[in-house]
Amino acid sequence: MTAVLPEATGGFGDKPNLTFPDSTAPAELEVLVLSRGDGDLVEAGQEIEVHYLGQTWGGRVFDNSYDRGSTITFPIGQGAVISGWDDGLVGQQIGSRVLLSIPPHLGYGDRGVPQAGIRGGDTLVFVVDIVDAR
């Protein structure tokens, strides 16, 4: 059975808005390519540049780069970010918009990030626009 995932508005580069289903969050990582880019595949060990929106499952937005007007860059596939990002973004094409539903064991676990409004055990949902990788 396929997990029921939130719907995201907007296209690549536009700040998305998420609408959540009435179902519970998936127990495992779910990766849905909302729009496929035509660039190279992201490889582990590269620096990846993204725009993103992060929201707790059924809850509030805790961070997004669109409002700041600037992308972020970080190493991918090397444990520099939460496992759900490493597992879900390596192998995607540059120029893609990807929805990630990240269960707690691949996110912030039981500790959460209270200062960001992420409780322990929260499932995280991200919409990620992969701008570049090098």
Protein backbone atom coordinates (compact mmCIF):
# COMPACT_ATOMS: atom_id res chain seq x y z
CA MET A 1 0.00 0.00 0.00
CA THR A 2 1.34 3.42 -0.94
CA ALA A 3 1.50 6.01 1.79
CA VAL A 4 -0.81 9.00 1.50
CA LEU A 5 1.41 12.06 1.34
CA PRO A 6 0.68 15.78 1.63
CA GLU A 7 -0.05 17.75 -1.52
CA ALA A 8 2.26 20.66 -2.38
CA THR A 9 1.28 23.72 -4.38
CA GLY A 10 3.54 25.67 -6.71
CA GLY A 11 6.32 24.86 -9.08
CA PHE A 12 10.10 24.74 -8.85
CA GLY A 13 11.38 27.91 -7.18
CA ASP A 14 7.99 28.92 -5.75
CA LYS A 15 7.33 28.72 -2.02
CA PRO A 16 5.09 25.67 -1.61
CA ASN A 17 2.06 25.26 0.60
CA LEU A 18 1.34 21.80 2.02
CA THR A 19 -2.09 20.26 2.50
CA PHE A 20 -2.00 17.22 4.76
CA PRO A 21 -4.20 14.12 4.45
CA ASP A 22 -6.27 12.92 7.41
CA SER A 23 -4.09 9.80 7.65
CA THR A 24 -1.20 9.27 10.02
CA ALA A 25 2.36 9.90 8.90
CA PRO A 26 4.21 7.07 7.13
CA ALA A 27 6.52 5.04 9.37
CA GLU A 28 9.36 5.02 6.83
CA LEU A 29 11.01 7.53 4.51
CA GLU A 30 8.79 8.47 1.57
CA VAL A 31 10.24 10.30 -1.42
CA LEU A 32 7.95 11.76 -4.07
CA VAL A 33 9.37 13.59 -7.08
CA LEU A 34 6.89 16.41 -7.70
CA SER A 35 8.67 17.61 -10.83
CA ARG A 36 11.73 16.02 -12.38
CA GLY A 37 14.65 18.17 -13.42
CA ASP A 38 16.87 17.52 -16.39
CA GLY A 39 20.24 17.98 -14.68
CA ASP A 40 22.83 15.48 -13.51
CA LEU A 41 22.12 13.10 -10.66
CA VAL A 42 23.10 14.22 -7.17
CA GLU A 43 25.95 12.09 -5.86
CA ALA A 44 27.03 11.43 -2.28
CA GLY A 45 29.95 13.66 -1.36
CA GLN A 46 28.83 16.62 -3.47
CA GLU A 47 27.85 20.04 -2.20
CA ILE A 48 24.13 20.41 -2.90
CA GLU A 49 22.34 23.76 -3.23
CA VAL A 50 18.65 23.79 -2.41
CA HIS A 51 15.60 25.85 -1.62
CA TYR A 52 13.34 24.13 0.91
CA LEU A 53 10.31 24.33 3.14
CA GLY A 54 10.14 22.22 6.29
CA GLN A 55 6.97 21.47 8.22
CA THR A 56 5.97 18.98 10.88
CA TRP A 57 3.37 16.41 9.80
CA GLY A 58 0.01 18.17 10.06
CA GLY A 59 1.65 21.02 11.95
CA ARG A 60 3.39 24.28 11.33
CA VAL A 61 6.21 25.35 9.05
CA PHE A 62 9.40 25.42 11.13
CA ASP A 63 11.80 26.67 8.46
CA ASN A 64 11.93 27.70 4.83
CA SER A 65 14.52 29.30 2.61
CA TYR A 66 12.04 30.97 0.26
CA ASP A 67 11.14 33.73 2.72
CA ARG A 68 14.84 34.43 3.28
CA GLY A 69 15.31 34.70 -0.49
CA SER A 70 18.47 32.61 -0.52
CA THR A 71 19.33 28.96 -1.02
CA ILE A 72 21.46 26.88 1.33
CA THR A 73 24.42 24.69 0.39
CA PHE A 74 25.69 21.68 2.34
CA PRO A 75 27.46 18.34 1.80
CA ILE A 76 25.04 15.53 0.91
CA GLY A 77 25.34 11.81 1.58
CA GLN A 78 27.95 12.22 4.31
CA GLY A 79 25.97 12.59 7.53
CA ALA A 80 26.20 16.40 7.60
CA VAL A 81 22.38 16.66 7.58
CA ILE A 82 19.58 14.43 8.88
CA SER A 83 19.54 10.93 7.38
CA GLY A 84 16.24 11.53 5.59
CA TRP A 85 17.89 14.25 3.47
CA ASP A 86 20.95 12.09 2.72
CA ASP A 87 18.79 9.08 1.83
CA GLY A 88 16.13 11.00 -0.09
CA LEU A 89 18.19 13.47 -2.13
CA VAL A 90 21.17 11.43 -3.31
CA GLY A 91 20.28 10.09 -6.76
CA GLN A 92 17.77 12.83 -7.59
CA GLN A 93 18.22 15.02 -10.65
CA ILE A 94 19.31 18.65 -10.39
CA GLY A 95 16.31 20.84 -11.16
CA SER A 96 13.87 18.49 -9.43
CA ARG A 97 11.29 19.38 -6.78
CA VAL A 98 11.11 16.56 -4.24
CA LEU A 99 8.75 15.96 -1.32
CA LEU A 100 10.32 14.08 1.61
CA SER A 101 8.31 12.60 4.47
CA ILE A 102 10.93 11.83 7.11
CA PRO A 103 10.05 9.66 10.12
CA PRO A 104 11.61 10.54 13.48
CA HIS A 105 14.34 7.85 13.29
CA LEU A 106 15.69 9.52 10.12
CA GLY A 107 15.07 13.05 11.43
CA TYR A 108 15.53 14.42 14.93
CA GLY A 109 14.35 11.33 16.82
CA ASP A 110 12.99 11.53 20.33
CA ARG A 111 14.86 14.74 21.17
CA GLY A 112 13.41 16.95 18.42
CA VAL A 113 14.60 20.53 18.07
CA PRO A 114 12.45 22.41 20.59
CA GLN A 115 13.82 25.85 19.64
CA ALA A 116 12.58 25.22 16.07
CA GLY A 117 9.19 23.92 17.22
CA ILE A 118 10.04 20.29 16.38
CA ARG A 119 8.89 17.94 19.12
CA GLY A 120 10.51 14.60 19.82
CA GLY A 121 8.88 11.96 17.63
CA ASP A 122 7.71 14.44 14.96
CA THR A 123 7.59 13.34 11.34
CA LEU A 124 9.10 16.04 9.14
CA VAL A 125 7.89 16.95 5.66
CA PHE A 126 10.14 18.90 3.30
CA VAL A 127 9.63 20.22 -0.18
CA VAL A 128 13.12 20.58 -1.66
CA ASP A 129 14.07 22.29 -4.92
CA ILE A 130 17.48 20.98 -6.00
CA VAL A 131 19.13 24.04 -7.54
CA ASP A 132 22.64 22.65 -8.10
CA ALA A 133 25.20 20.08 -6.97
CA ARG A 134 28.96 20.19 -7.45
